[in-house]
């Protein structure tokens, strides 16, 4: 396929789950660059992580992680 005749435009992809974690922390007056935040659908051990901040995503805690997969550390909210 020849793409030369199509319009040239930029496309931005945003990780909305990380965005909502950052937004949530800003609303609460927390530093979104330093907070380690994960929001769960349920507080039972099998609860699923709905959103997590970028620092936790780098550590492997992402959407679909279970509560028992998240380390029990005081700095994780």
PDB file of N, CA and C in Angstrom:
ATOM      1  N   UNK A   1       0.847  -1.181   0.000  1.00  0.00           N
ATOM      2  CA  UNK A   1       0.000   0.000   0.000  1.00  0.00           C
ATOM      3  C   UNK A   1       0.889   1.240   0.000  1.00  0.00           C
ATOM      4  N   UNK A   2       0.530   2.217  -0.802  1.00  0.00           N
ATOM      5  CA  UNK A   2       1.267   3.469  -0.893  1.00  0.00           C
ATOM      6  C   UNK A   2       0.660   4.473   0.091  1.00  0.00           C
ATOM      7  N   UNK A   3       1.419   4.824   1.147  1.00  0.00           N
ATOM      8  CA  UNK A   3       0.936   5.753   2.162  1.00  0.00           C
ATOM      9  C   UNK A   3       1.236   7.209   1.815  1.00  0.00           C
ATOM     10  N   UNK A   4       1.868   7.456   0.699  1.00  0.00           N
ATOM     11  CA  UNK A   4       2.258   8.796   0.308  1.00  0.00           C
ATOM     12  C   UNK A   4       1.098   9.750   0.105  1.00  0.00           C
ATOM     13  N   UNK A   5      -0.069   9.256  -0.282  1.00  0.00           N
ATOM     14  CA  UNK A   5      -1.221  10.128  -0.526  1.00  0.00           C
ATOM     15  C   UNK A   5      -2.081  10.359   0.717  1.00  0.00           C
ATOM     16  N   UNK A   6      -1.762   9.699   1.819  1.00  0.00           N
ATOM     17  CA  UNK A   6      -2.515   9.882   3.059  1.00  0.00           C
ATOM     18  C   UNK A   6      -2.007  11.109   3.813  1.00  0.00           C
ATOM     19  N   UNK A   7      -2.871  11.740   4.625  1.00  0.00           N
ATOM     20  CA  UNK A   7      -2.415  12.916   5.383  1.00  0.00           C
ATOM     21  C   UNK A   7      -1.338  12.527   6.398  1.00  0.00           C
ATOM     22  N   UNK A   8      -0.387  13.425   6.602  1.00  0.00           N
ATOM     23  CA  UNK A   8       0.689  13.219   7.564  1.00  0.00           C
ATOM     24  C   UNK A   8       0.277  13.870   8.878  1.00  0.00           C
ATOM     25  N   UNK A   9       0.143  13.064   9.945  1.00  0.00           N
ATOM     26  CA  UNK A   9      -0.273  13.612  11.236  1.00  0.00           C
ATOM     27  C   UNK A   9       0.396  12.835  12.365  1.00  0.00           C
ATOM     28  N   UNK A  10       0.496  13.484  13.503  1.00  0.00           N
ATOM     29  CA  UNK A  10       1.069  12.854  14.684  1.00  0.00           C
ATOM     30  C   UNK A  10      -0.012  12.203  15.527  1.00  0.00           C
ATOM     31  N   UNK A  11       0.323  11.095  16.113  1.00  0.00           N
ATOM     32  CA  UNK A  11      -0.608  10.380  16.982  1.00  0.00           C
ATOM     33  C   UNK A  11       0.071  10.178  18.328  1.00  0.00           C
ATOM     34  N   UNK A  12      -0.633  10.508  19.400  1.00  0.00           N
ATOM     35  CA  UNK A  12      -0.104  10.356  20.749  1.00  0.00           C
ATOM     36  C   UNK A  12      -0.859   9.219  21.441  1.00  0.00           C
ATOM     37  N   UNK A  13      -0.106   8.296  22.031  1.00  0.00           N
ATOM     38  CA  UNK A  13      -0.693   7.206  22.806  1.00  0.00           C
ATOM     39  C   UNK A  13      -0.416   7.476  24.285  1.00  0.00           C
ATOM     40  N   UNK A  14      -1.456   7.414  25.094  1.00  0.00           N
ATOM     41  CA  UNK A  14      -1.334   7.703  26.519  1.00  0.00           C
ATOM     42  C   UNK A  14      -1.800   6.486  27.313  1.00  0.00           C
ATOM     43  N   UNK A  15      -1.031   6.114  28.321  1.00  0.00           N
ATOM     44  CA  UNK A  15      -1.434   5.055  29.236  1.00  0.00           C
ATOM     45  C   UNK A  15      -2.448   5.671  30.199  1.00  0.00           C
ATOM     46  N   UNK A  16      -3.730   5.516  29.911  1.00  0.00           N
ATOM     47  CA  UNK A  16      -4.778   6.168  30.696  1.00  0.00           C
ATOM     48  C   UNK A  16      -4.842   5.630  32.127  1.00  0.00           C
ATOM     49  N   UNK A  17      -4.475   4.386  32.340  1.00  0.00           N
ATOM     50  CA  UNK A  17      -4.515   3.842  33.692  1.00  0.00           C
ATOM     51  C   UNK A  17      -3.499   4.558  34.572  1.00  0.00           C
ATOM     52  N   UNK A  18      -2.301   4.790  34.050  1.00  0.00           N
ATOM     53  CA  UNK A  18      -1.297   5.541  34.794  1.00  0.00           C
ATOM     54  C   UNK A  18      -1.739   6.993  34.964  1.00  0.00           C
ATOM     55  N   UNK A  19      -2.401   7.549  33.963  1.00  0.00           N
ATOM     56  CA  UNK A  19      -2.918   8.919  34.056  1.00  0.00           C
ATOM     57  C   UNK A  19      -3.914   9.035  35.197  1.00  0.00           C
ATOM     58  N   UNK A  20      -4.846   8.090  35.312  1.00  0.00           N
ATOM     59  CA  UNK A  20      -5.842   8.152  36.378  1.00  0.00           C
ATOM     60  C   UNK A  20      -5.195   7.998  37.747  1.00  0.00           C
ATOM     61  N   UNK A  21      -4.153   7.197  37.865  1.00  0.00           N
ATOM     62  CA  UNK A  21      -3.434   7.069  39.133  1.00  0.00           C
ATOM     63  C   UNK A  21      -2.780   8.401  39.494  1.00  0.00           C
ATOM     64  N   UNK A  22      -2.176   9.062  38.505  1.00  0.00           N
ATOM     65  CA  UNK A  22      -1.558  10.374  38.749  1.00  0.00           C
ATOM     66  C   UNK A  22      -2.615  11.408  39.110  1.00  0.00           C
ATOM     67  N   UNK A  23      -3.731  11.396  38.397  1.00  0.00           N
ATOM     68  CA  UNK A  23      -4.830  12.321  38.653  1.00  0.00           C
ATOM     69  C   UNK A  23      -5.372  12.130  40.066  1.00  0.00           C
ATOM     70  N   UNK A  24      -5.568  10.887  40.460  1.00  0.00           N
ATOM     71  CA  UNK A  24      -6.075  10.558  41.793  1.00  0.00           C
ATOM     72  C   UNK A  24      -5.132  11.081  42.876  1.00  0.00           C
ATOM     73  N   UNK A  25      -3.829  10.923  42.663  1.00  0.00           N
ATOM     74  CA  UNK A  25      -2.872  11.387  43.667  1.00  0.00           C
ATOM     75  C   UNK A  25      -2.845  12.917  43.761  1.00  0.00           C
ATOM     76  N   UNK A  26      -2.981  13.611  42.623  1.00  0.00           N
ATOM     77  CA  UNK A  26      -3.004  15.079  42.636  1.00  0.00           C
ATOM     78  C   UNK A  26      -4.244  15.582  43.359  1.00  0.00           C
ATOM     79  N   UNK A  27      -5.391  14.949  43.122  1.00  0.00           N
ATOM     80  CA  UNK A  27      -6.637  15.327  43.803  1.00  0.00           C
ATOM     81  C   UNK A  27      -6.473  15.208  45.321  1.00  0.00           C
ATOM     82  N   UNK A  28      -5.745  14.202  45.754  1.00  0.00           N
ATOM     83  CA  UNK A  28      -5.525  13.973  47.180  1.00  0.00           C
ATOM     84  C   UNK A  28      -4.369  14.804  47.752  1.00  0.00           C
ATOM     85  N   UNK A  29      -3.734  15.642  46.908  1.00  0.00           N
ATOM     86  CA  UNK A  29      -2.644  16.486  47.369  1.00  0.00           C
ATOM     87  C   UNK A  29      -1.323  15.761  47.518  1.00  0.00           C
ATOM     88  N   UNK A  30      -1.170  14.639  46.831  1.00  0.00           N
ATOM     89  CA  UNK A  30       0.060  13.858  46.891  1.00  0.00           C
ATOM     90  C   UNK A  30       0.931  14.149  45.673  1.00  0.00           C
ATOM     91  N   UNK A  31       2.216  13.938  45.791  1.00  0.00           N
ATOM     92  CA  UNK A  31       3.136  14.142  44.675  1.00  0.00           C
ATOM     93  C   UNK A  31       3.013  12.949  43.723  1.00  0.00           C
ATOM     94  N   UNK A  32       2.488  13.181  42.546  1.00  0.00           N
ATOM     95  CA  UNK A  32       2.227  12.080  41.610  1.00  0.00           C
ATOM     96  C   UNK A  32       3.505  11.460  41.056  1.00  0.00           C
ATOM     97  N   UNK A  33       4.640  12.150  41.190  1.00  0.00           N
ATOM     98  CA  UNK A  33       5.899  11.586  40.705  1.00  0.00           C
ATOM     99  C   UNK A  33       6.579  10.704  41.747  1.00  0.00           C
ATOM    100  N   UNK A  34       6.181  10.850  43.019  1.00  0.00           N
ATOM    101  CA  UNK A  34       6.824  10.084  44.085  1.00  0.00           C
ATOM    102  C   UNK A  34       5.904   9.048  44.727  1.00  0.00           C
ATOM    103  N   UNK A  35       4.599   9.243  44.635  1.00  0.00           N
ATOM    104  CA  UNK A  35       3.655   8.324  45.276  1.00  0.00           C
ATOM    105  C   UNK A  35       3.676   6.961  44.586  1.00  0.00           C
ATOM    106  N   UNK A  36       3.526   5.929  45.358  1.00  0.00           N
ATOM    107  CA  UNK A  36       3.449   4.561  44.814  1.00  0.00           C
ATOM    108  C   UNK A  36       2.021   4.095  45.088  1.00  0.00           C
ATOM    109  N   UNK A  37       1.155   4.274  44.100  1.00  0.00           N
ATOM    110  CA  UNK A  37      -0.284   4.105  44.266  1.00  0.00           C
ATOM    111  C   UNK A  37      -0.820   2.980  43.389  1.00  0.00           C
ATOM    112  N   UNK A  38      -1.651   2.138  43.980  1.00  0.00           N
ATOM    113  CA  UNK A  38      -2.375   1.113  43.239  1.00  0.00           C
ATOM    114  C   UNK A  38      -3.818   1.141  43.716  1.00  0.00           C
ATOM    115  N   UNK A  39      -4.763   1.196  42.793  1.00  0.00           N
ATOM    116  CA  UNK A  39      -6.185   1.171  43.136  1.00  0.00           C
ATOM    117  C   UNK A  39      -6.746  -0.198  42.775  1.00  0.00           C
ATOM    118  N   UNK A  40      -7.435  -0.789  43.750  1.00  0.00           N
ATOM    119  CA  UNK A  40      -7.959  -2.145  43.581  1.00  0.00           C
ATOM    120  C   UNK A  40      -9.476  -2.138  43.490  1.00  0.00           C
ATOM    121  N   UNK A  41     -10.011  -3.115  42.801  1.00  0.00           N
ATOM    122  CA  UNK A  41     -11.453  -3.260  42.690  1.00  0.00           C
ATOM    123  C   UNK A  41     -12.065  -3.839  43.959  1.00  0.00           C
ATOM    124  N   UNK A  42     -11.258  -4.523  44.769  1.00  0.00           N
ATOM    125  CA  UNK A  42     -11.741  -5.157  45.993  1.00  0.00           C
ATOM    126  C   UNK A  42     -10.565  -5.299  46.948  1.00  0.00           C
ATOM    127  N   UNK A  43     -10.836  -5.296  48.252  1.00  0.00           N
ATOM    128  CA  UNK A  43      -9.766  -5.409  49.242  1.00  0.00           C
ATOM    129  C   UNK A  43      -9.500  -6.851  49.664  1.00  0.00           C
ATOM    130  N   UNK A  44     -10.190  -7.790  49.082  1.00  0.00           N
ATOM    131  CA  UNK A  44      -9.923  -9.203  49.366  1.00  0.00           C
ATOM    132  C   UNK A  44      -8.598  -9.581  48.700  1.00  0.00           C
ATOM    133  N   UNK A  45      -7.925 -10.643  49.188  1.00  0.00           N
ATOM    134  CA  UNK A  45      -6.633 -11.025  48.600  1.00  0.00           C
ATOM    135  C   UNK A  45      -6.678 -11.277  47.093  1.00  0.00           C
ATOM    136  N   UNK A  46      -7.847 -11.630  46.569  1.00  0.00           N
ATOM    137  CA  UNK A  46      -7.951 -11.869  45.126  1.00  0.00           C
ATOM    138  C   UNK A  46      -8.399 -10.626  44.364  1.00  0.00           C
ATOM    139  N   UNK A  47      -8.466  -9.469  45.069  1.00  0.00           N
ATOM    140  CA  UNK A  47      -8.852  -8.217  44.424  1.00  0.00           C
ATOM    141  C   UNK A  47      -7.903  -7.880  43.279  1.00  0.00           C
ATOM    142  N   UNK A  48      -8.455  -7.324  42.213  1.00  0.00           N
ATOM    143  CA  UNK A  48      -7.672  -7.028  41.021  1.00  0.00           C
ATOM    144  C   UNK A  48      -7.288  -5.557  40.987  1.00  0.00           C
ATOM    145  N   UNK A  49      -6.040  -5.298  40.631  1.00  0.00           N
ATOM    146  CA  UNK A  49      -5.535  -3.939  40.489  1.00  0.00           C
ATOM    147  C   UNK A  49      -6.141  -3.312  39.236  1.00  0.00           C
ATOM    148  N   UNK A  50      -6.859  -2.211  39.416  1.00  0.00           N
ATOM    149  CA  UNK A  50      -7.483  -1.513  38.289  1.00  0.00           C
ATOM    150  C   UNK A  50      -6.543  -0.485  37.678  1.00  0.00           C
ATOM    151  N   UNK A  51      -5.849   0.266  38.527  1.00  0.00           N
ATOM    152  CA  UNK A  51      -4.883   1.252  38.053  1.00  0.00           C
ATOM    153  C   UNK A  51      -3.665   1.230  38.955  1.00  0.00           C
ATOM    154  N   UNK A  52      -2.520   1.592  38.399  1.00  0.00           N
ATOM    155  CA  UNK A  52      -1.313   1.752  39.211  1.00  0.00           C
ATOM    156  C   UNK A  52      -0.470   2.867  38.613  1.00  0.00           C
ATOM    157  N   UNK A  53       0.320   3.495  39.460  1.00  0.00           N
ATOM    158  CA  UNK A  53       1.168   4.603  39.005  1.00  0.00           C
ATOM    159  C   UNK A  53       2.348   4.058  38.206  1.00  0.00           C
ATOM    160  N   UNK A  54       3.029   4.959  37.533  1.00  0.00           N
ATOM    161  CA  UNK A  54       4.117   4.545  36.651  1.00  0.00           C
ATOM    162  C   UNK A  54       5.272   3.884  37.395  1.00  0.00           C
ATOM    163  N   UNK A  55       5.514   4.263  38.649  1.00  0.00           N
ATOM    164  CA  UNK A  55       6.616   3.640  39.394  1.00  0.00           C
ATOM    165  C   UNK A  55       6.307   2.175  39.707  1.00  0.00           C
ATOM    166  N   UNK A  56       5.046   1.863  39.989  1.00  0.00           N
ATOM    167  CA  UNK A  56       4.684   0.473  40.254  1.00  0.00           C
ATOM    168  C   UNK A  56       4.628  -0.341  38.964  1.00  0.00           C
ATOM    169  N   UNK A  57       4.239   0.294  37.872  1.00  0.00           N
ATOM    170  CA  UNK A  57       4.217  -0.406  36.586  1.00  0.00           C
ATOM    171  C   UNK A  57       5.627  -0.857  36.223  1.00  0.00           C
ATOM    172  N   UNK A  58       6.633  -0.001  36.498  1.00  0.00           N
ATOM    173  CA  UNK A  58       8.018  -0.361  36.229  1.00  0.00           C
ATOM    174  C   UNK A  58       8.459  -1.558  37.052  1.00  0.00           C
ATOM    175  N   UNK A  59       7.841  -1.749  38.226  1.00  0.00           N
ATOM    176  CA  UNK A  59       8.174  -2.873  39.102  1.00  0.00           C
ATOM    177  C   UNK A  59       7.362  -4.121  38.780  1.00  0.00           C
ATOM    178  N   UNK A  60       6.495  -4.038  37.775  1.00  0.00           N
ATOM    179  CA  UNK A  60       5.729  -5.209  37.353  1.00  0.00           C
ATOM    180  C   UNK A  60       4.324  -5.289  37.911  1.00  0.00           C
ATOM    181  N   UNK A  61       3.908  -4.300  38.699  1.00  0.00           N
ATOM    182  CA  UNK A  61       2.542  -4.273  39.229  1.00  0.00           C
ATOM    183  C   UNK A  61       1.697  -3.494  38.241  1.00  0.00           C
ATOM    184  N   UNK A  62       0.852  -4.184  37.530  1.00  0.00           N
ATOM    185  CA  UNK A  62       0.092  -3.546  36.469  1.00  0.00           C
ATOM    186  C   UNK A  62      -1.366  -3.970  36.544  1.00  0.00           C
ATOM    187  N   UNK A  63      -2.159  -3.499  35.612  1.00  0.00           N
ATOM    188  CA  UNK A  63      -3.568  -3.863  35.553  1.00  0.00           C
ATOM    189  C   UNK A  63      -3.692  -5.383  35.494  1.00  0.00           C
ATOM    190  N   UNK A  64      -4.537  -5.915  36.334  1.00  0.00           N
ATOM    191  CA  UNK A  64      -4.732  -7.356  36.383  1.00  0.00           C
ATOM    192  C   UNK A  64      -3.955  -8.033  37.487  1.00  0.00           C
ATOM    193  N   UNK A  65      -3.008  -7.320  38.105  1.00  0.00           N
ATOM    194  CA  UNK A  65      -2.275  -7.896  39.236  1.00  0.00           C
ATOM    195  C   UNK A  65      -3.246  -8.090  40.401  1.00  0.00           C
ATOM    196  N   UNK A  66      -3.051  -9.139  41.153  1.00  0.00           N
ATOM    197  CA  UNK A  66      -3.893  -9.407  42.325  1.00  0.00           C
ATOM    198  C   UNK A  66      -3.294  -8.743  43.557  1.00  0.00           C
ATOM    199  N   UNK A  67      -4.118  -8.526  44.562  1.00  0.00           N
ATOM    200  CA  UNK A  67      -3.656  -7.898  45.791  1.00  0.00           C
ATOM    201  C   UNK A  67      -2.497  -8.679  46.397  1.00  0.00           C
ATOM    202  N   UNK A  68      -2.555 -10.002  46.352  1.00  0.00           N
ATOM    203  CA  UNK A  68      -1.466 -10.790  46.941  1.00  0.00           C
ATOM    204  C   UNK A  68      -0.183 -10.710  46.117  1.00  0.00           C
ATOM    205  N   UNK A  69      -0.246 -10.181  44.878  1.00  0.00           N
ATOM    206  CA  UNK A  69       0.957  -9.965  44.066  1.00  0.00           C
ATOM    207  C   UNK A  69       1.674  -8.670  44.430  1.00  0.00           C
ATOM    208  N   UNK A  70       0.968  -7.765  45.111  1.00  0.00           N
ATOM    209  CA  UNK A  70       1.545  -6.473  45.470  1.00  0.00           C
ATOM    210  C   UNK A  70       2.299  -6.620  46.790  1.00  0.00           C
ATOM    211  N   UNK A  71       3.586  -6.247  46.816  1.00  0.00           N
ATOM    212  CA  UNK A  71       4.359  -6.398  48.052  1.00  0.00           C
ATOM    213  C   UNK A  71       3.756  -5.604  49.207  1.00  0.00           C
ATOM    214  N   UNK A  72       3.844  -6.131  50.389  1.00  0.00           N
ATOM    215  CA  UNK A  72       3.340  -5.458  51.589  1.00  0.00           C
ATOM    216  C   UNK A  72       4.406  -4.482  52.086  1.00  0.00           C
ATOM    217  N   UNK A  73       4.430  -3.291  51.491  1.00  0.00           N
ATOM    218  CA  UNK A  73       5.381  -2.261  51.880  1.00  0.00           C
ATOM    219  C   UNK A  73       4.607  -1.025  52.331  1.00  0.00           C
ATOM    220  N   UNK A  74       5.173  -0.300  53.294  1.00  0.00           N
ATOM    221  CA  UNK A  74       4.507   0.885  53.837  1.00  0.00           C
ATOM    222  C   UNK A  74       4.432   2.020  52.832  1.00  0.00           C
ATOM    223  N   UNK A  75       5.333   2.053  51.844  1.00  0.00           N
ATOM    224  CA  UNK A  75       5.338   3.158  50.894  1.00  0.00           C
ATOM    225  C   UNK A  75       4.397   2.952  49.714  1.00  0.00           C
ATOM    226  N   UNK A  76       3.703   1.820  49.671  1.00  0.00           N
ATOM    227  CA  UNK A  76       2.716   1.577  48.601  1.00  0.00           C
ATOM    228  C   UNK A  76       1.329   1.897  49.151  1.00  0.00           C
ATOM    229  N   UNK A  77       0.656   2.825  48.492  1.00  0.00           N
ATOM    230  CA  UNK A  77      -0.692   3.238  48.900  1.00  0.00           C
ATOM    231  C   UNK A  77      -1.707   2.466  48.092  1.00  0.00           C
TER     232      UNK A  77
END
